[in-house]
Amino acid sequence: MIEKPELSIVIPCLNEERTLGKTLRLAHEAIRLSGLRGEVVVADNGSTDRSGVLAEEGGARVVTCTQKGYGSALIDGIRGSRGTYIVMGDADATYDFREAVPFVEALKGGADLVMGTRLRGNIDKGAMPFLHRWLGTPVLTFLINRFFGTRISDCNCGMRAFTRQAFDRLGLVSGGMEFASEMIIKAALFGLRIEERPCSLHCDTRGKPPHLKTWRDGWRHLRFILLFAPDMVFAVPGWFLFSMGLFITALVLPRQFRVGPLVMDYHHCFYSVPMIHIGYQALWFHRFEKYFVHFSGYFKERMDPLPVRPFPLEVWLLGGGALVLAGLGVFGMIMTKWISVSFGNLSQFRAGIAGMFLLLLGMQTIMNAMSLSMMDIKLKRL
């Protein structure tokens, strides 16, 4: 009986016949240097060249992934691997798997996820595009560190190591390049121990365009990071705009407001009322995002859990309905006065602003509450 491997090196692959042989030799050498029983798993993502044949000839086990995408290939490959410790890296030979041996040692020492860092290692001249090195990677890394409390220097490094237990707990689902961000963010949210080790990045010798698309995949990473940071993205600016807008409106809507030489009149409502509505909508979006990450299946276990009680739709509908009725009541009062002057000139700016504000706020409440309750119905069945 073949003993169960202790270390699995998983390599996603899509038409990489020019570099796969070298990549596999490096992977097998890394296993030998680690002193562990190991296996190399190539997650073939629909290659049309000889990559699959070369993988088998190079001593790797091929796992076929039918769902296109970097993340999909890695998820299927990792699920098909058998090691306690897992190392992932690309098939283009830009990473030297022998440098992952210290990663595995860190896992043995108690780390759950070990990130490679090219920025603290060695980057061959021309191996990393200027925008990736000086804009994309630093900005995305800063946001992850700021929003999720990590202390890493290279969030986009493609060589990483993690334990089987950590992978099973994370429940990763992203099929594209944002898989890399999902792994770090969830590890931080779940309180896993994350460490870094330097690694090298060598020049791509495949002679073809890389699978990574700078702006498209950069945006997907950014969008994913913002999705998991609703407090910073929506709650903080939402409360600021809502509070400031409400404060200014309360000062000038009833009457002219004076502080020394400063005179504020209803004209200030032209920006304060929109501030209220934008801030209020941002607070709803904050609630939407918290529901969405569960509704979409990003969390198998509920870190940052939803409230135990179901979303009180009826309460919000009653509140929104009351605001709508109040707004309509104000407009009715204005119409009555207008009729009383035979549809002549009528100056009711303050009342008109109040009616519009109440009506819009009420409709926002009703529509957002209805939308959120649809996700709540689904989540109660999970």
Protein backbone atom coordinates (compact mmCIF):
# COMPACT_ATOMS: atom_id res chain seq x y z
CA MET A 1 0.00 0.00 0.00
CA ILE A 2 1.36 3.48 -0.97
CA GLU A 3 1.81 5.68 2.08
CA LYS A 4 -0.22 8.85 2.27
CA PRO A 5 1.89 11.87 1.19
CA GLU A 6 2.74 14.49 3.79
CA LEU A 7 3.39 17.28 1.29
CA SER A 8 1.45 18.15 -1.87
CA ILE A 9 2.66 20.68 -4.40
CA VAL A 10 -0.32 21.86 -6.45
CA ILE A 11 0.26 23.56 -9.81
CA PRO A 12 -2.58 25.11 -11.86
CA CYS A 13 -1.93 24.67 -15.56
CA LEU A 14 -3.37 25.98 -18.82
CA ASN A 15 -1.27 25.33 -21.92
CA GLU A 16 2.12 25.51 -20.22
CA GLU A 17 4.06 22.85 -22.16
CA ARG A 18 7.09 25.11 -22.64
CA THR A 19 7.77 25.58 -18.91
CA LEU A 20 5.95 22.71 -17.20
CA GLY A 21 8.89 20.31 -17.37
CA LYS A 22 11.19 22.73 -15.52
CA THR A 23 8.45 23.52 -13.02
CA LEU A 24 7.95 19.83 -12.22
CA ARG A 25 11.68 19.26 -11.75
CA LEU A 26 11.79 22.11 -9.25
CA ALA A 27 8.73 20.72 -7.43
CA HIS A 28 10.23 17.23 -7.09
CA GLU A 29 13.51 18.74 -5.91
CA ALA A 30 11.62 20.71 -3.26
CA ILE A 31 9.96 17.54 -2.01
CA ARG A 32 13.36 15.83 -1.75
CA LEU A 33 14.83 18.79 0.17
CA SER A 34 11.86 18.83 2.58
CA GLY A 35 12.49 15.24 3.64
CA LEU A 36 8.75 14.53 3.49
CA ARG A 37 6.75 12.03 1.51
CA GLY A 38 5.34 14.11 -1.28
CA GLU A 39 3.33 14.35 -4.46
CA VAL A 40 3.01 16.81 -7.29
CA VAL A 41 -0.50 17.56 -8.50
CA VAL A 42 -1.11 19.37 -11.77
CA ALA A 43 -4.59 20.91 -11.97
CA ASP A 44 -5.21 20.99 -15.71
CA ASN A 45 -7.65 23.75 -16.60
CA GLY A 46 -8.54 22.62 -20.10
CA SER A 47 -5.14 22.63 -21.81
CA THR A 48 -5.17 22.01 -25.56
CA ASP A 49 -1.42 21.43 -25.87
CA ARG A 50 0.67 18.56 -24.44
CA SER A 51 0.63 19.86 -20.86
CA GLY A 52 -1.35 16.88 -19.53
CA VAL A 53 0.95 14.33 -21.15
CA LEU A 54 4.07 16.15 -19.99
CA ALA A 55 2.70 16.33 -16.44
CA GLU A 56 2.26 12.57 -16.26
CA GLU A 57 5.65 11.97 -17.87
CA GLY A 58 7.14 14.33 -15.29
CA GLY A 59 5.84 12.26 -12.38
CA ALA A 60 2.81 14.39 -11.49
CA ARG A 61 -0.74 13.32 -10.90
CA VAL A 62 -3.17 15.21 -13.14
CA VAL A 63 -6.47 16.51 -11.79
CA THR A 64 -8.82 17.76 -14.49
CA CYS A 65 -10.70 20.98 -13.78
CA THR A 66 -13.58 21.75 -16.16
CA GLN A 67 -14.51 25.11 -14.63
CA LYS A 68 -12.29 27.80 -16.15
CA GLY A 69 -10.29 30.10 -13.92
CA TYR A 70 -7.17 30.29 -11.77
CA GLY A 71 -9.10 29.84 -8.54
CA SER A 72 -11.20 26.99 -9.91
CA ALA A 73 -8.08 25.09 -10.99
CA LEU A 74 -6.44 25.53 -7.61
CA ILE A 75 -9.55 24.57 -5.64
CA ASP A 76 -9.98 21.34 -7.63
CA GLY A 77 -6.28 20.59 -7.49
CA ILE A 78 -6.05 21.13 -3.74
CA ARG A 79 -9.17 19.07 -3.13
CA GLY A 80 -7.64 16.29 -5.21
CA SER A 81 -4.34 16.38 -3.31
CA ARG A 82 -3.67 14.23 -0.26
CA GLY A 83 -0.93 15.96 1.72
CA THR A 84 -1.15 17.46 5.20
CA TYR A 85 0.92 20.40 3.98
CA ILE A 86 0.15 22.03 0.64
CA VAL A 87 2.30 24.32 -1.49
CA MET A 88 0.80 26.14 -4.47
CA GLY A 89 2.67 27.82 -7.30
CA ASP A 90 2.40 28.60 -10.99
CA ALA A 91 3.38 26.39 -13.90
CA ASP A 92 5.37 29.08 -15.72
CA ALA A 93 8.60 28.40 -13.76
CA THR A 94 8.69 31.95 -12.42
CA TYR A 95 8.73 30.55 -8.87
CA ASP A 96 11.41 28.18 -7.56
CA PHE A 97 9.60 25.59 -5.45
CA ARG A 98 12.84 24.81 -3.63
CA GLU A 99 12.39 28.15 -1.87
CA ALA A 100 9.11 26.85 -0.44
CA VAL A 101 10.88 24.42 1.90
CA PRO A 102 11.11 27.12 4.63
CA PHE A 103 7.38 27.70 4.07
CA VAL A 104 6.70 24.08 5.03
CA GLU A 105 8.97 24.39 8.06
CA ALA A 106 6.91 27.36 9.18
CA LEU A 107 3.74 25.26 8.86
CA LYS A 108 5.35 22.60 11.04
CA GLY A 109 6.05 25.36 13.56
CA GLY A 110 2.38 26.27 13.86
CA ALA A 111 1.62 28.63 11.00
CA ASP A 112 -1.64 28.07 9.11
CA LEU A 113 -0.80 30.09 5.98
CA VAL A 114 2.64 31.10 4.76
CA MET A 115 2.77 33.81 2.12
CA GLY A 116 5.70 34.24 -0.22
CA THR A 117 6.92 37.80 -0.61
CA ARG A 118 8.70 38.78 -3.79
CA LEU A 119 9.13 42.34 -2.61
CA ARG A 120 11.35 41.18 0.25
CA GLY A 121 13.02 38.52 -1.85
CA ASN A 122 14.59 38.74 -5.27
CA ILE A 123 12.88 39.95 -8.44
CA ASP A 124 14.74 39.39 -11.69
CA LYS A 125 15.00 42.39 -13.96
CA GLY A 126 11.87 42.53 -16.11
CA ALA A 127 10.12 39.76 -14.18
CA MET A 128 7.42 42.02 -12.69
CA PRO A 129 5.71 44.81 -14.68
CA PHE A 130 6.24 48.32 -13.35
CA LEU A 131 2.55 48.87 -12.51
CA HIS A 132 2.32 45.56 -10.64
CA ARG A 133 5.39 46.28 -8.52
CA TRP A 134 4.89 49.93 -7.69
CA LEU A 135 1.10 50.44 -7.85
CA GLY A 136 -1.13 47.37 -7.97
CA THR A 137 0.54 45.11 -5.40
CA PRO A 138 1.43 47.86 -2.86
CA VAL A 139 -2.06 49.41 -2.98
CA LEU A 140 -3.94 46.12 -2.68
CA THR A 141 -1.58 44.96 0.08
CA PHE A 142 -2.11 48.22 1.98
CA LEU A 143 -5.89 47.87 1.80
CA ILE A 144 -5.82 44.27 3.01
CA ASN A 145 -3.51 45.16 5.89
CA ARG A 146 -5.61 48.22 6.78
CA PHE A 147 -9.02 46.57 6.58
CA PHE A 148 -8.25 43.11 7.94
CA GLY A 149 -5.33 43.60 10.33
CA THR A 150 -2.75 41.54 8.43
CA ARG A 151 0.95 42.38 8.25
CA ILE A 152 2.04 41.17 4.86
CA SER A 153 4.09 42.86 2.15
CA ASP A 154 2.98 41.06 -1.03
CA CYS A 155 -0.67 40.05 -1.29
CA ASN A 156 -0.31 38.88 -4.90
CA CYS A 157 2.52 36.41 -4.53
CA GLY A 158 1.50 33.16 -6.22
CA MET A 159 3.64 30.82 -4.12
CA ARG A 160 2.06 29.99 -0.78
CA ALA A 161 1.84 27.13 1.68
CA PHE A 162 -0.95 26.15 4.04
CA THR A 163 -2.22 23.21 6.03
CA ARG A 164 -4.99 20.93 4.88
CA GLN A 165 -6.96 21.89 7.98
CA ALA A 166 -6.68 25.60 7.14
CA PHE A 167 -7.83 25.04 3.55
CA ASP A 168 -10.83 22.97 4.64
CA ARG A 169 -11.82 25.64 7.13
CA LEU A 170 -11.56 28.55 4.70
CA GLY A 171 -14.08 27.12 2.23
CA LEU A 172 -12.65 29.08 -0.71
CA VAL A 173 -15.03 29.58 -3.63
CA SER A 174 -13.58 32.27 -5.93
CA GLY A 175 -12.97 30.94 -9.42
CA GLY A 176 -10.81 33.77 -10.77
CA MET A 177 -7.63 35.56 -9.77
CA GLU A 178 -9.42 37.02 -6.74
CA PHE A 179 -8.93 33.57 -5.18
CA ALA A 180 -5.59 34.97 -3.96
CA SER A 181 -7.31 37.77 -2.02
CA GLU A 182 -10.07 35.53 -0.68
CA MET A 183 -7.49 33.22 0.89
CA ILE A 184 -5.77 36.04 2.79
CA ILE A 185 -8.95 37.84 3.84
CA LYS A 186 -10.65 34.73 5.16
CA ALA A 187 -7.50 33.60 6.95
CA ALA A 188 -7.44 36.99 8.70
CA LEU A 189 -11.18 36.92 9.53
CA PHE A 190 -10.91 33.38 10.88
CA GLY A 191 -7.95 34.32 13.07
CA LEU A 192 -5.48 31.96 11.37
CA ARG A 193 -1.77 32.42 11.90
CA ILE A 194 -0.25 34.05 8.80
CA GLU A 195 3.49 34.27 8.23
CA GLU A 196 5.70 35.46 5.36
CA ARG A 197 8.85 34.09 3.80
CA PRO A 198 10.89 35.74 1.02
CA CYS A 199 10.96 34.15 -2.42
CA SER A 200 12.26 34.93 -5.89
CA LEU A 201 10.41 35.85 -9.03
CA HIS A 202 12.07 34.85 -12.29
CA CYS A 203 11.33 36.02 -15.81
CA ASP A 204 8.52 34.39 -17.74
CA THR A 205 10.05 32.39 -20.62
CA ARG A 206 6.86 31.05 -22.18
CA GLY A 207 6.91 33.51 -25.05
CA LYS A 208 3.20 34.28 -24.80
CA PRO A 209 0.99 36.82 -22.99
CA PRO A 210 0.40 36.03 -19.29
CA HIS A 211 -3.00 34.80 -18.11
CA LEU A 212 -3.14 37.73 -15.68
CA LYS A 213 -4.81 40.86 -17.10
CA THR A 214 -3.53 43.92 -15.23
CA TRP A 215 -6.59 46.16 -15.05
CA ARG A 216 -9.32 43.50 -15.19
CA ASP A 217 -7.83 41.27 -12.52
CA GLY A 218 -6.65 44.23 -10.44
CA TRP A 219 -10.22 45.51 -10.33
CA ARG A 220 -11.51 42.05 -9.38
CA HIS A 221 -9.07 41.96 -6.47
CA LEU A 222 -10.07 45.46 -5.36
CA ARG A 223 -13.79 44.68 -5.67
CA PHE A 224 -13.35 41.57 -3.56
CA ILE A 225 -11.43 43.43 -0.86
CA LEU A 226 -14.15 46.10 -0.67
CA LEU A 227 -16.84 43.41 -0.51
CA PHE A 228 -15.42 42.11 2.75
CA ALA A 229 -14.84 45.54 4.31
CA PRO A 230 -18.36 47.04 4.54
CA ASP A 231 -17.59 48.89 7.78
CA MET A 232 -14.85 50.99 6.19
CA VAL A 233 -16.44 51.24 2.74
CA PHE A 234 -20.04 52.01 3.69
CA ALA A 235 -20.69 52.30 7.44
CA VAL A 236 -18.10 54.95 8.32
CA PRO A 237 -18.77 57.31 5.37
CA GLY A 238 -22.50 56.51 5.61
CA TRP A 239 -22.81 57.61 9.23
CA PHE A 240 -20.70 60.71 8.54
CA LEU A 241 -22.79 61.86 5.58
CA PHE A 242 -26.11 61.01 7.24
CA SER A 243 -25.22 62.76 10.52
CA MET A 244 -23.73 65.86 8.93
CA GLY A 245 -26.58 66.18 6.44
CA LEU A 246 -29.18 65.78 9.16
CA PHE A 247 -27.44 68.32 11.41
CA ILE A 248 -27.24 71.00 8.69
CA THR A 249 -30.81 70.35 7.55
CA ALA A 250 -32.11 70.61 11.10
CA LEU A 251 -30.40 74.01 11.46
CA VAL A 252 -31.68 75.68 8.31
CA LEU A 253 -34.95 73.97 7.42
CA PRO A 254 -37.15 75.54 10.13
CA ARG A 255 -35.72 79.08 9.77
CA GLN A 256 -32.70 81.12 8.85
CA PHE A 257 -29.70 80.29 11.05
CA ARG A 258 -27.20 82.89 12.22
CA VAL A 259 -23.91 82.60 14.10
CA GLY A 260 -22.27 86.02 14.22
CA PRO A 261 -21.63 87.10 10.62
CA LEU A 262 -22.42 83.63 9.29
CA VAL A 263 -25.90 83.34 7.77
CA MET A 264 -27.28 79.96 6.65
CA ASP A 265 -30.62 79.64 4.90
CA TYR A 266 -32.64 76.94 3.17
CA HIS A 267 -30.25 77.02 0.21
CA HIS A 268 -27.90 74.80 2.23
CA CYS A 269 -30.49 72.04 2.00
CA PHE A 270 -29.55 71.64 -1.65
CA TYR A 271 -26.47 69.74 -0.48
CA SER A 272 -27.43 68.66 3.05
CA VAL A 273 -30.52 66.70 1.98
CA PRO A 274 -28.60 64.72 -0.69
CA MET A 275 -25.97 64.02 1.99
CA ILE A 276 -28.69 62.46 4.13
CA HIS A 277 -29.97 60.24 1.35
CA ILE A 278 -26.52 59.15 0.17
CA GLY A 279 -25.44 58.39 3.72
CA TYR A 280 -28.68 56.54 4.46
CA GLN A 281 -28.26 54.42 1.32
CA ALA A 282 -24.65 53.67 2.26
CA LEU A 283 -25.86 52.33 5.62
CA TRP A 284 -28.28 50.04 3.79
CA PHE A 285 -25.46 48.87 1.55
CA HIS A 286 -23.47 48.07 4.67
CA ARG A 287 -26.28 45.77 5.78
CA PHE A 288 -26.62 44.32 2.27
CA GLU A 289 -22.94 43.35 2.13
CA LYS A 290 -23.05 41.61 5.48
CA TYR A 291 -25.97 39.52 4.22
CA PHE A 292 -24.49 38.98 0.78
CA VAL A 293 -21.25 37.31 1.88
CA HIS A 294 -23.36 34.65 3.60
CA PHE A 295 -26.06 34.50 0.93
CA SER A 296 -23.46 33.93 -1.82
CA GLY A 297 -21.72 31.09 0.04
CA TYR A 298 -18.44 32.82 0.88
CA PHE A 299 -18.66 31.67 4.48
CA LYS A 300 -19.18 28.04 5.45
CA GLU A 301 -18.97 28.98 9.10
CA ARG A 302 -20.30 32.32 10.18
CA MET A 303 -17.58 34.63 11.25
CA ASP A 304 -19.16 38.06 11.80
CA PRO A 305 -22.53 36.30 12.21
CA LEU A 306 -25.86 37.74 11.20
CA PRO A 307 -28.37 38.69 13.88
CA VAL A 308 -30.12 35.72 15.46
CA ARG A 309 -33.53 37.28 14.92
CA PRO A 310 -34.85 37.50 11.34
CA PHE A 311 -34.82 40.85 9.60
CA PRO A 312 -37.92 42.76 10.88
CA LEU A 313 -39.38 43.58 7.46
CA GLU A 314 -42.79 44.64 8.74
CA VAL A 315 -41.28 47.16 11.18
CA TRP A 316 -39.24 48.79 8.41
CA LEU A 317 -42.23 48.81 6.07
CA LEU A 318 -44.34 50.55 8.68
CA GLY A 319 -41.58 53.10 9.31
CA GLY A 320 -41.09 53.70 5.59
CA GLY A 321 -44.82 53.95 5.03
CA ALA A 322 -45.14 56.50 7.81
CA LEU A 323 -42.41 58.64 6.21
CA VAL A 324 -44.13 58.42 2.81
CA LEU A 325 -47.47 59.42 4.31
CA ALA A 326 -45.83 62.32 6.14
CA GLY A 327 -44.26 63.52 2.90
CA LEU A 328 -47.53 63.23 1.04
CA GLY A 329 -49.20 65.09 3.89
CA VAL A 330 -46.76 67.99 3.48
CA PHE A 331 -47.36 68.08 -0.28
CA GLY A 332 -51.12 68.00 0.39
CA MET A 333 -50.77 70.98 2.69
CA ILE A 334 -48.78 72.85 0.01
CA MET A 335 -51.45 72.00 -2.61
CA THR A 336 -54.21 73.24 -0.31
CA LYS A 337 -52.44 76.57 0.13
CA TRP A 338 -51.83 76.83 -3.59
CA ILE A 339 -55.52 76.27 -4.29
CA SER A 340 -56.40 78.92 -1.71
CA VAL A 341 -54.46 81.53 -3.72
CA SER A 342 -56.08 80.40 -6.98
CA PHE A 343 -52.85 78.77 -8.19
CA GLY A 344 -51.00 82.06 -7.93
CA ASN A 345 -47.51 82.71 -6.61
CA LEU A 346 -46.66 80.54 -3.64
CA SER A 347 -43.39 80.48 -1.69
CA GLN A 348 -43.21 77.14 0.12
CA PHE A 349 -39.54 76.20 -0.39
CA ARG A 350 -38.97 74.90 3.13
CA ALA A 351 -42.17 72.85 3.18
CA GLY A 352 -41.42 71.49 -0.32
CA ILE A 353 -37.92 70.42 0.73
CA ALA A 354 -39.33 68.73 3.84
CA GLY A 355 -41.98 66.88 1.82
CA MET A 356 -39.49 65.70 -0.77
CA PHE A 357 -37.04 64.61 1.94
CA LEU A 358 -39.67 62.58 3.81
CA LEU A 359 -41.10 60.99 0.67
CA LEU A 360 -37.72 59.92 -0.71
CA LEU A 361 -36.49 58.63 2.66
CA GLY A 362 -39.67 56.59 3.06
CA MET A 363 -39.41 55.05 -0.41
CA GLN A 364 -35.71 54.25 0.18
CA THR A 365 -36.67 52.47 3.38
CA ILE A 366 -39.43 50.42 1.76
CA MET A 367 -37.44 49.37 -1.29
CA ASN A 368 -34.27 48.50 0.62
CA ALA A 369 -36.17 46.60 3.28
CA MET A 370 -38.00 44.54 0.66
CA SER A 371 -34.76 43.70 -1.14
CA LEU A 372 -32.91 42.74 2.04
CA SER A 373 -35.78 40.56 3.24
CA MET A 374 -35.44 38.41 0.09
CA MET A 375 -31.93 37.39 1.14
CA ASP A 376 -33.11 36.89 4.70
CA ILE A 377 -35.69 34.31 3.54
CA LYS A 378 -32.90 32.31 1.86
CA LEU A 379 -30.47 32.63 4.77
CA LYS A 380 -33.00 31.33 7.29
CA ARG A 381 -33.04 28.05 5.34
CA LEU A 382 -29.24 27.59 5.26
